[in-house]
PDB file of N, CA and C in Angstrom:
ATOM      1  N   UNK A   1      38.638  11.430  49.264  1.00  0.00           N
ATOM      2  CA  UNK A   1      37.554  11.821  50.191  1.00  0.00           C
ATOM      3  C   UNK A   1      36.765  10.583  50.492  1.00  0.00           C
ATOM      4  N   UNK A   2      36.535   9.692  49.493  1.00  0.00           N
ATOM      5  CA  UNK A   2      35.829   8.451  49.741  1.00  0.00           C
ATOM      6  C   UNK A   2      36.619   7.566  50.686  1.00  0.00           C
ATOM      7  N   UNK A   3      37.914   7.501  50.466  1.00  0.00           N
ATOM      8  CA  UNK A   3      38.694   6.634  51.385  1.00  0.00           C
ATOM      9  C   UNK A   3      38.649   7.171  52.850  1.00  0.00           C
ATOM     10  N   UNK A   4      38.675   8.467  53.025  1.00  0.00           N
ATOM     11  CA  UNK A   4      38.497   9.063  54.394  1.00  0.00           C
ATOM     12  C   UNK A   4      37.129   8.733  55.034  1.00  0.00           C
ATOM     13  N   UNK A   5      36.147   8.842  54.169  1.00  0.00           N
ATOM     14  CA  UNK A   5      34.855   8.496  54.675  1.00  0.00           C
ATOM     15  C   UNK A   5      34.662   7.094  55.090  1.00  0.00           C
ATOM     16  N   UNK A   6      35.283   6.227  54.203  1.00  0.00           N
ATOM     17  CA  UNK A   6      35.286   4.751  54.520  1.00  0.00           C
ATOM     18  C   UNK A   6      36.016   4.526  55.857  1.00  0.00           C
ATOM     19  N   UNK A   7      37.098   5.179  56.095  1.00  0.00           N
ATOM     20  CA  UNK A   7      37.871   5.004  57.298  1.00  0.00           C
ATOM     21  C   UNK A   7      36.955   5.436  58.576  1.00  0.00           C
ATOM     22  N   UNK A   8      36.228   6.563  58.370  1.00  0.00           N
ATOM     23  CA  UNK A   8      35.336   6.974  59.503  1.00  0.00           C
ATOM     24  C   UNK A   8      34.289   5.828  59.682  1.00  0.00           C
ATOM     25  N   UNK A   9      33.795   5.261  58.640  1.00  0.00           N
ATOM     26  CA  UNK A   9      32.751   4.198  58.830  1.00  0.00           C
ATOM     27  C   UNK A   9      33.354   3.014  59.530  1.00  0.00           C
ATOM     28  N   UNK A  10      34.645   2.687  59.118  1.00  0.00           N
ATOM     29  CA  UNK A  10      35.342   1.645  59.805  1.00  0.00           C
ATOM     30  C   UNK A  10      35.368   1.839  61.276  1.00  0.00           C
ATOM     31  N   UNK A  11      35.769   3.065  61.664  1.00  0.00           N
ATOM     32  CA  UNK A  11      35.855   3.420  63.116  1.00  0.00           C
ATOM     33  C   UNK A  11      34.453   3.220  63.783  1.00  0.00           C
ATOM     34  N   UNK A  12      33.426   3.790  63.129  1.00  0.00           N
ATOM     35  CA  UNK A  12      32.093   3.643  63.659  1.00  0.00           C
ATOM     36  C   UNK A  12      31.783   2.173  63.900  1.00  0.00           C
ATOM     37  N   UNK A  13      32.019   1.401  62.883  1.00  0.00           N
ATOM     38  CA  UNK A  13      31.658  -0.107  63.016  1.00  0.00           C
ATOM     39  C   UNK A  13      32.405  -0.806  64.163  1.00  0.00           C
ATOM     40  N   UNK A  14      33.681  -0.398  64.321  1.00  0.00           N
ATOM     41  CA  UNK A  14      34.449  -0.924  65.301  1.00  0.00           C
ATOM     42  C   UNK A  14      33.869  -0.598  66.762  1.00  0.00           C
ATOM     43  N   UNK A  15      33.346   0.638  66.881  1.00  0.00           N
ATOM     44  CA  UNK A  15      32.841   0.991  68.182  1.00  0.00           C
ATOM     45  C   UNK A  15      31.429   0.341  68.447  1.00  0.00           C
ATOM     46  N   UNK A  16      30.634   0.132  67.321  1.00  0.00           N
ATOM     47  CA  UNK A  16      29.421  -0.518  67.530  1.00  0.00           C
ATOM     48  C   UNK A  16      29.811  -2.025  67.979  1.00  0.00           C
ATOM     49  N   UNK A  17      30.701  -2.666  67.249  1.00  0.00           N
ATOM     50  CA  UNK A  17      30.980  -4.048  67.642  1.00  0.00           C
ATOM     51  C   UNK A  17      31.552  -4.082  69.103  1.00  0.00           C
ATOM     52  N   UNK A  18      32.256  -3.153  69.497  1.00  0.00           N
ATOM     53  CA  UNK A  18      32.719  -3.160  70.875  1.00  0.00           C
ATOM     54  C   UNK A  18      31.586  -3.005  71.848  1.00  0.00           C
ATOM     55  N   UNK A  19      30.640  -2.131  71.481  1.00  0.00           N
ATOM     56  CA  UNK A  19      29.484  -1.924  72.302  1.00  0.00           C
ATOM     57  C   UNK A  19      28.675  -3.224  72.517  1.00  0.00           C
ATOM     58  N   UNK A  20      28.520  -3.976  71.340  1.00  0.00           N
ATOM     59  CA  UNK A  20      27.693  -5.127  71.442  1.00  0.00           C
ATOM     60  C   UNK A  20      28.446  -6.288  72.206  1.00  0.00           C
ATOM     61  N   UNK A  21      29.670  -6.162  72.507  1.00  0.00           N
ATOM     62  CA  UNK A  21      30.361  -7.158  73.307  1.00  0.00           C
ATOM     63  C   UNK A  21      29.879  -7.014  74.792  1.00  0.00           C
ATOM     64  N   UNK A  22      29.412  -5.791  75.119  1.00  0.00           N
ATOM     65  CA  UNK A  22      28.928  -5.639  76.547  1.00  0.00           C
ATOM     66  C   UNK A  22      27.515  -6.145  76.826  1.00  0.00           C
ATOM     67  N   UNK A  23      27.203  -6.350  77.997  1.00  0.00           N
ATOM     68  CA  UNK A  23      25.922  -6.719  78.350  1.00  0.00           C
ATOM     69  C   UNK A  23      25.021  -5.611  78.198  1.00  0.00           C
ATOM     70  N   UNK A  24      24.013  -5.611  77.356  1.00  0.00           N
ATOM     71  CA  UNK A  24      23.082  -4.541  77.192  1.00  0.00           C
ATOM     72  C   UNK A  24      21.678  -5.029  77.419  1.00  0.00           C
ATOM     73  N   UNK A  25      20.826  -4.207  77.924  1.00  0.00           N
ATOM     74  CA  UNK A  25      19.391  -4.536  77.960  1.00  0.00           C
ATOM     75  C   UNK A  25      18.894  -4.809  76.563  1.00  0.00           C
ATOM     76  N   UNK A  26      17.965  -5.706  76.385  1.00  0.00           N
ATOM     77  CA  UNK A  26      17.470  -6.211  75.061  1.00  0.00           C
ATOM     78  C   UNK A  26      17.016  -4.977  74.175  1.00  0.00           C
ATOM     79  N   UNK A  27      16.302  -4.117  74.851  1.00  0.00           N
ATOM     80  CA  UNK A  27      15.864  -3.049  73.893  1.00  0.00           C
ATOM     81  C   UNK A  27      16.945  -2.087  73.428  1.00  0.00           C
ATOM     82  N   UNK A  28      17.947  -1.826  74.205  1.00  0.00           N
ATOM     83  CA  UNK A  28      19.157  -1.095  73.871  1.00  0.00           C
ATOM     84  C   UNK A  28      19.937  -1.908  72.827  1.00  0.00           C
ATOM     85  N   UNK A  29      20.195  -3.164  73.050  1.00  0.00           N
ATOM     86  CA  UNK A  29      20.921  -4.001  72.092  1.00  0.00           C
ATOM     87  C   UNK A  29      20.260  -3.979  70.725  1.00  0.00           C
ATOM     88  N   UNK A  30      18.937  -4.051  70.696  1.00  0.00           N
ATOM     89  CA  UNK A  30      18.251  -3.951  69.432  1.00  0.00           C
ATOM     90  C   UNK A  30      18.501  -2.693  68.645  1.00  0.00           C
ATOM     91  N   UNK A  31      18.446  -1.534  69.382  1.00  0.00           N
ATOM     92  CA  UNK A  31      18.647  -0.274  68.810  1.00  0.00           C
ATOM     93  C   UNK A  31      20.109  -0.145  68.279  1.00  0.00           C
ATOM     94  N   UNK A  32      21.084  -0.654  68.982  1.00  0.00           N
ATOM     95  CA  UNK A  32      22.473  -0.534  68.631  1.00  0.00           C
ATOM     96  C   UNK A  32      22.801  -1.489  67.370  1.00  0.00           C
ATOM     97  N   UNK A  33      22.141  -2.738  67.451  1.00  0.00           N
ATOM     98  CA  UNK A  33      22.306  -3.498  66.234  1.00  0.00           C
ATOM     99  C   UNK A  33      21.630  -2.932  65.015  1.00  0.00           C
ATOM    100  N   UNK A  34      20.514  -2.295  65.127  1.00  0.00           N
ATOM    101  CA  UNK A  34      19.914  -1.709  63.990  1.00  0.00           C
ATOM    102  C   UNK A  34      20.718  -0.565  63.514  1.00  0.00           C
ATOM    103  N   UNK A  35      21.280   0.316  64.341  1.00  0.00           N
ATOM    104  CA  UNK A  35      22.220   1.330  63.985  1.00  0.00           C
ATOM    105  C   UNK A  35      23.418   0.815  63.289  1.00  0.00           C
ATOM    106  N   UNK A  36      24.049  -0.269  63.780  1.00  0.00           N
ATOM    107  CA  UNK A  36      25.141  -0.880  63.224  1.00  0.00           C
ATOM    108  C   UNK A  36      24.882  -1.300  61.861  1.00  0.00           C
ATOM    109  N   UNK A  37      23.768  -1.940  61.605  1.00  0.00           N
ATOM    110  CA  UNK A  37      23.425  -2.418  60.250  1.00  0.00           C
ATOM    111  C   UNK A  37      23.375  -1.153  59.309  1.00  0.00           C
ATOM    112  N   UNK A  38      22.789  -0.059  59.674  1.00  0.00           N
ATOM    113  CA  UNK A  38      22.744   1.088  58.927  1.00  0.00           C
ATOM    114  C   UNK A  38      24.215   1.584  58.566  1.00  0.00           C
ATOM    115  N   UNK A  39      25.035   1.618  59.594  1.00  0.00           N
ATOM    116  CA  UNK A  39      26.498   2.041  59.366  1.00  0.00           C
ATOM    117  C   UNK A  39      27.135   1.016  58.409  1.00  0.00           C
ATOM    118  N   UNK A  40      26.840  -0.258  58.484  1.00  0.00           N
ATOM    119  CA  UNK A  40      27.415  -1.262  57.596  1.00  0.00           C
ATOM    120  C   UNK A  40      26.893  -1.013  56.121  1.00  0.00           C
ATOM    121  N   UNK A  41      25.645  -0.716  55.888  1.00  0.00           N
ATOM    122  CA  UNK A  41      25.177  -0.365  54.604  1.00  0.00           C
ATOM    123  C   UNK A  41      25.869   0.702  54.010  1.00  0.00           C
ATOM    124  N   UNK A  42      26.005   1.848  54.867  1.00  0.00           N
ATOM    125  CA  UNK A  42      26.627   2.986  54.326  1.00  0.00           C
ATOM    126  C   UNK A  42      28.166   2.759  53.985  1.00  0.00           C
ATOM    127  N   UNK A  43      28.813   1.942  54.833  1.00  0.00           N
ATOM    128  CA  UNK A  43      30.160   1.543  54.548  1.00  0.00           C
ATOM    129  C   UNK A  43      30.195   0.882  53.211  1.00  0.00           C
ATOM    130  N   UNK A  44      29.350  -0.070  52.980  1.00  0.00           N
ATOM    131  CA  UNK A  44      29.380  -0.848  51.782  1.00  0.00           C
ATOM    132  C   UNK A  44      29.113   0.004  50.514  1.00  0.00           C
ATOM    133  N   UNK A  45      28.218   0.946  50.744  1.00  0.00           N
ATOM    134  CA  UNK A  45      27.937   1.893  49.563  1.00  0.00           C
ATOM    135  C   UNK A  45      29.156   2.755  49.311  1.00  0.00           C
ATOM    136  N   UNK A  46      29.771   3.272  50.298  1.00  0.00           N
ATOM    137  CA  UNK A  46      30.950   4.126  50.166  1.00  0.00           C
ATOM    138  C   UNK A  46      32.076   3.268  49.510  1.00  0.00           C
ATOM    139  N   UNK A  47      32.354   2.062  49.943  1.00  0.00           N
ATOM    140  CA  UNK A  47      33.404   1.283  49.349  1.00  0.00           C
ATOM    141  C   UNK A  47      32.996   1.027  47.901  1.00  0.00           C
ATOM    142  N   UNK A  48      31.781   0.742  47.504  1.00  0.00           N
ATOM    143  CA  UNK A  48      31.463   0.553  46.189  1.00  0.00           C
ATOM    144  C   UNK A  48      31.726   1.781  45.352  1.00  0.00           C
ATOM    145  N   UNK A  49      31.355   3.023  45.819  1.00  0.00           N
ATOM    146  CA  UNK A  49      31.652   4.262  45.169  1.00  0.00           C
ATOM    147  C   UNK A  49      33.134   4.403  44.956  1.00  0.00           C
ATOM    148  N   UNK A  50      33.898   4.161  46.086  1.00  0.00           N
ATOM    149  CA  UNK A  50      35.398   4.280  45.986  1.00  0.00           C
ATOM    150  C   UNK A  50      35.872   3.380  44.884  1.00  0.00           C
ATOM    151  N   UNK A  51      35.420   2.159  44.856  1.00  0.00           N
ATOM    152  CA  UNK A  51      35.963   1.196  43.808  1.00  0.00           C
ATOM    153  C   UNK A  51      35.547   1.616  42.422  1.00  0.00           C
ATOM    154  N   UNK A  52      34.359   2.184  42.206  1.00  0.00           N
ATOM    155  CA  UNK A  52      33.911   2.625  40.862  1.00  0.00           C
ATOM    156  C   UNK A  52      34.740   3.868  40.487  1.00  0.00           C
ATOM    157  N   UNK A  53      35.111   4.678  41.415  1.00  0.00           N
ATOM    158  CA  UNK A  53      35.931   5.868  41.089  1.00  0.00           C
ATOM    159  C   UNK A  53      37.326   5.355  40.632  1.00  0.00           C
ATOM    160  N   UNK A  54      37.909   4.420  41.445  1.00  0.00           N
ATOM    161  CA  UNK A  54      39.215   3.936  41.153  1.00  0.00           C
ATOM    162  C   UNK A  54      39.270   3.326  39.773  1.00  0.00           C
ATOM    163  N   UNK A  55      38.266   2.650  39.401  1.00  0.00           N
ATOM    164  CA  UNK A  55      38.084   1.875  38.127  1.00  0.00           C
ATOM    165  C   UNK A  55      37.988   2.856  37.029  1.00  0.00           C
ATOM    166  N   UNK A  56      37.218   3.878  37.178  1.00  0.00           N
ATOM    167  CA  UNK A  56      37.012   4.924  36.214  1.00  0.00           C
ATOM    168  C   UNK A  56      38.321   5.761  35.959  1.00  0.00           C
ATOM    169  N   UNK A  57      39.078   5.983  37.047  1.00  0.00           N
ATOM    170  CA  UNK A  57      40.294   6.737  36.937  1.00  0.00           C
ATOM    171  C   UNK A  57      41.441   6.017  36.242  1.00  0.00           C
ATOM    172  N   UNK A  58      41.408   4.680  36.240  1.00  0.00           N
ATOM    173  CA  UNK A  58      42.384   3.892  35.535  1.00  0.00           C
ATOM    174  C   UNK A  58      42.097   3.579  34.034  1.00  0.00           C
ATOM    175  N   UNK A  59      40.857   4.060  33.618  1.00  0.00           N
ATOM    176  CA  UNK A  59      40.557   3.825  32.204  1.00  0.00           C
ATOM    177  C   UNK A  59      40.612   4.988  31.452  1.00  0.00           C
TER     178      UNK A  59
END
């Protein structure tokens, strides 16, 4: 389940990166960048949980 969630976060990050390649008004760019940072934090937390779970399963 964590791997699927991480895959979803990967997809979201890719879309945010794509959106930021476009010309956006400064206020919109600021919002998109802030949202992308939140998605990145979520992604990193999910990856850490996944790695902890894998490590616990092998012990």
